[in-house]
Amino acid sequence: MKHCANKTFPAISLAISGLLLLAACSSNTLTIGSYDGATGKTSKTTYSKFYDNGGWLLKDKLGLVILVNHDKKVIPIAHATAKTIGALVANDSFANGKLSLSVWNFDSVPHQVKFKKMTVPSGELDFQNEVLTAAPHKETETSAGSFPIFNYGKSIHVTLEVEVAGKTRRLELDLQRRTKEELARYFSDGAARPYPWGARKVTQ
């Protein structure tokens, strides 16, 4: 699969609660610092370049994970100079979201998933009914193209339409941009994944 969203990215409004001290994006990561006036303490959160979430296509049998890899090319010296003189163009607000789809087959029989389309904030991706066959007790991942994403975002709302077991199904998810702490918590060996099946493995 290789498809790109083709609509214009809509205007994005930012609601900021509390006093924002720092919002720095170093190419593919995002660091946000804030100040708590009540305690006088500051805190800092660093987000990775990975967005993901998952849900069931067939309850307890077939799961699907949607992954987006934040890809922002920055020339460090030129970028720093532009910031100094206030000359950043609108493109600084956008990055490329590389999309992957991962089917988790917990069943003892293969399943075919026909990918129809996915709606993202920047438009719609047409998968042209491409079919992925998920082998029994296997994870099967495929690259599915890319689309524009907000460079400083922390989540991406998507709606995926597929056909499985002869029925059309819609999976609506908020893909979370994982912090460094979450990567260690959810994706280390033996950890429960942040999906409905938790620590369950396809090989079990």
Protein backbone atom coordinates (compact mmCIF):
# COMPACT_ATOMS: atom_id res chain seq x y z
CA MET A 1 0.00 0.00 0.00
CA LYS A 2 1.16 3.53 -0.69
CA HIS A 3 -1.31 6.38 -0.56
CA CYS A 4 -1.19 10.05 0.42
CA ALA A 5 -3.97 12.22 1.77
CA ASN A 6 -4.72 14.88 -0.82
CA LYS A 7 -6.84 17.53 0.90
CA THR A 8 -5.57 20.78 2.39
CA PHE A 9 -4.67 20.51 6.06
CA PRO A 10 -7.31 22.46 8.03
CA ALA A 11 -6.48 25.27 10.43
CA ILE A 12 -5.63 23.97 13.87
CA SER A 13 -6.60 25.88 17.00
CA LEU A 14 -4.52 25.39 20.12
CA ALA A 15 -6.13 25.53 23.55
CA ILE A 16 -3.42 26.07 26.16
CA SER A 17 -4.23 25.48 29.82
CA GLY A 18 -1.88 26.87 32.47
CA LEU A 19 1.34 28.70 31.72
CA LEU A 20 3.32 27.13 28.90
CA LEU A 21 7.04 27.54 29.43
CA LEU A 22 8.47 25.46 26.62
CA ALA A 23 7.30 23.76 23.46
CA ALA A 24 10.33 22.70 21.49
CA CYS A 25 10.37 20.30 18.57
CA SER A 26 13.73 18.72 17.82
CA SER A 27 13.11 17.25 14.38
CA ASN A 28 10.96 14.23 15.35
CA THR A 29 10.49 14.67 19.10
CA LEU A 30 8.50 17.22 21.09
CA THR A 31 9.34 18.55 24.56
CA ILE A 32 6.77 20.51 26.53
CA GLY A 33 7.47 22.20 29.85
CA SER A 34 4.91 23.81 32.14
CA TYR A 35 4.77 25.70 35.43
CA ASP A 36 2.35 25.01 38.28
CA GLY A 37 1.62 28.30 40.00
CA ALA A 38 0.16 26.57 43.06
CA THR A 39 3.25 24.48 43.84
CA GLY A 40 5.92 26.59 42.15
CA LYS A 41 7.21 23.49 40.36
CA THR A 42 8.04 22.99 36.70
CA SER A 43 7.62 19.78 34.75
CA LYS A 44 8.79 18.56 31.37
CA THR A 45 7.36 15.91 29.05
CA THR A 46 9.17 14.57 26.00
CA TYR A 47 7.10 12.97 23.25
CA SER A 48 8.60 10.51 20.76
CA LYS A 49 7.98 10.36 17.03
CA PHE A 50 5.56 7.42 17.34
CA TYR A 51 1.75 7.59 17.30
CA ASP A 52 -0.35 4.45 17.71
CA ASN A 53 -3.57 2.84 18.88
CA GLY A 54 -5.41 -0.40 18.25
CA GLY A 55 -8.80 -2.09 18.34
CA TRP A 56 -10.63 -5.31 17.53
CA LEU A 57 -11.82 -6.12 14.01
CA LEU A 58 -13.15 -9.47 15.24
CA LYS A 59 -13.57 -9.64 19.02
CA ASP A 60 -10.84 -11.75 20.64
CA LYS A 61 -9.70 -13.03 17.23
CA LEU A 62 -8.42 -10.25 15.00
CA GLY A 63 -6.92 -6.98 16.15
CA LEU A 64 -5.54 -4.06 14.18
CA VAL A 65 -2.95 -1.47 15.19
CA ILE A 66 -2.58 1.83 13.35
CA LEU A 67 0.91 3.33 13.59
CA VAL A 68 2.19 6.71 12.40
CA ASN A 69 5.86 7.65 12.35
CA HIS A 70 6.44 11.43 12.64
CA ASP A 71 8.99 12.41 9.99
CA LYS A 72 10.26 15.99 9.95
CA LYS A 73 13.37 16.91 8.05
CA VAL A 74 15.19 19.85 9.63
CA ILE A 75 18.50 21.46 8.64
CA PRO A 76 19.71 22.48 12.12
CA ILE A 77 21.74 25.61 11.25
CA ALA A 78 19.25 26.96 8.72
CA HIS A 79 16.34 26.25 11.05
CA ALA A 80 18.00 28.00 14.00
CA THR A 81 18.78 31.04 11.86
CA ALA A 82 15.20 31.22 10.60
CA LYS A 83 13.87 31.14 14.18
CA THR A 84 16.26 33.91 15.19
CA ILE A 85 15.02 36.27 12.51
CA GLY A 86 11.39 35.19 12.79
CA ALA A 87 11.34 33.87 9.24
CA LEU A 88 9.82 30.41 9.74
CA VAL A 89 7.35 29.60 6.98
CA ALA A 90 4.03 27.80 7.44
CA ASN A 91 5.64 24.47 6.55
CA ASP A 92 7.38 24.48 9.93
CA SER A 93 3.99 23.59 11.42
CA PHE A 94 3.68 20.41 9.38
CA ALA A 95 5.43 17.05 9.19
CA ASN A 96 5.04 13.84 7.22
CA GLY A 97 3.15 11.01 8.91
CA LYS A 98 4.34 7.63 7.66
CA LEU A 99 1.48 5.16 8.07
CA SER A 100 1.69 1.45 8.88
CA LEU A 101 -1.14 -1.01 9.55
CA SER A 102 -0.51 -4.09 11.68
CA VAL A 103 -2.99 -6.98 11.86
CA TRP A 104 -2.78 -9.24 14.93
CA ASN A 105 -4.33 -12.65 14.26
CA PHE A 106 -5.02 -14.50 17.53
CA ASP A 107 -7.09 -17.10 15.65
CA SER A 108 -6.05 -20.58 14.43
CA VAL A 109 -7.25 -19.82 10.88
CA PRO A 110 -6.16 -17.12 8.40
CA HIS A 111 -8.23 -13.98 7.91
CA GLN A 112 -8.37 -11.62 4.94
CA VAL A 113 -8.70 -7.90 5.60
CA LYS A 114 -9.75 -5.66 2.71
CA PHE A 115 -8.63 -2.08 3.31
CA LYS A 116 -11.04 0.47 1.87
CA LYS A 117 -10.24 3.98 3.12
CA MET A 118 -9.08 6.01 6.10
CA THR A 119 -10.10 9.52 7.10
CA VAL A 120 -7.39 11.65 8.74
CA PRO A 121 -7.32 15.36 9.70
CA SER A 122 -5.63 16.26 6.39
CA GLY A 123 -8.03 14.34 4.13
CA GLU A 124 -8.80 10.80 3.05
CA LEU A 125 -6.58 7.90 2.05
CA ASP A 126 -8.00 5.49 -0.53
CA PHE A 127 -6.56 1.99 -0.13
CA GLN A 128 -8.35 0.77 -3.28
CA ASN A 129 -9.61 -2.44 -1.65
CA GLU A 130 -6.15 -3.90 -1.18
CA VAL A 131 -6.27 -7.21 0.66
CA LEU A 132 -3.95 -8.35 3.42
CA THR A 133 -4.00 -11.99 4.51
CA ALA A 134 -3.24 -12.46 8.19
CA ALA A 135 -1.75 -15.88 8.88
CA PRO A 136 -2.83 -17.78 12.01
CA HIS A 137 -1.13 -16.62 15.21
CA LYS A 138 0.94 -14.01 13.40
CA GLU A 139 1.40 -10.25 13.31
CA THR A 140 1.31 -8.94 9.75
CA GLU A 141 2.38 -5.35 9.12
CA THR A 142 2.23 -3.32 5.91
CA SER A 143 3.35 0.17 4.94
CA ALA A 144 0.31 2.18 3.86
CA GLY A 145 1.63 5.51 2.58
CA SER A 146 1.80 8.90 4.28
CA PHE A 147 -0.14 12.09 5.00
CA PRO A 148 0.53 15.58 6.45
CA ILE A 149 0.37 15.90 10.24
CA PHE A 150 0.69 18.81 12.68
CA ASN A 151 4.34 19.07 13.69
CA TYR A 152 3.52 19.88 17.33
CA GLY A 153 0.57 17.51 17.76
CA LYS A 154 0.07 14.94 20.51
CA SER A 155 -2.70 12.86 18.92
CA ILE A 156 -4.22 12.09 15.51
CA HIS A 157 -7.90 11.21 15.10
CA VAL A 158 -8.53 8.61 12.37
CA THR A 159 -11.42 6.54 11.07
CA LEU A 160 -10.51 3.36 9.17
CA GLU A 161 -12.95 1.43 7.01
CA VAL A 162 -12.20 -2.21 6.21
CA GLU A 163 -14.03 -5.35 5.14
CA VAL A 164 -13.48 -8.52 7.14
CA ALA A 165 -15.50 -11.75 7.32
CA GLY A 166 -17.79 -10.36 4.61
CA LYS A 167 -18.78 -7.26 6.61
CA THR A 168 -17.67 -3.63 6.44
CA ARG A 169 -16.28 -2.38 9.74
CA ARG A 170 -15.25 1.06 10.93
CA LEU A 171 -12.50 1.58 13.48
CA GLU A 172 -12.39 5.08 14.99
CA LEU A 173 -9.32 5.81 17.10
CA ASP A 174 -7.24 8.59 18.59
CA LEU A 175 -3.62 7.74 17.89
CA GLN A 176 -1.56 8.86 20.88
CA ARG A 177 1.90 10.31 20.48
CA ARG A 178 3.86 8.19 22.93
CA THR A 179 6.10 9.80 25.52
CA LYS A 180 9.49 8.30 26.24
CA GLU A 181 8.10 6.95 29.51
CA GLU A 182 5.21 5.26 27.68
CA LEU A 183 7.56 3.60 25.21
CA ALA A 184 9.39 2.00 28.11
CA ARG A 185 6.17 1.08 29.92
CA TYR A 186 4.20 -0.42 27.02
CA PHE A 187 6.76 -1.70 24.53
CA SER A 188 9.47 -3.38 26.56
CA ASP A 189 9.69 -7.18 26.53
CA GLY A 190 6.71 -8.77 28.28
CA ALA A 191 4.85 -5.49 28.82
CA ALA A 192 1.10 -5.20 28.23
CA ARG A 193 0.41 -3.23 25.06
CA PRO A 194 -1.97 -0.21 25.28
CA TYR A 195 -4.54 -2.06 23.13
CA PRO A 196 -7.67 -4.05 24.09
CA TRP A 197 -5.71 -7.35 24.17
CA GLY A 198 -3.13 -6.04 26.65
CA ALA A 199 -0.31 -8.54 27.28
CA ARG A 200 -1.91 -11.32 25.23
CA LYS A 201 0.34 -12.62 22.45
CA VAL A 202 -0.76 -13.88 19.06
CA THR A 203 1.28 -17.07 19.58
CA GLN A 204 -0.68 -18.05 22.71
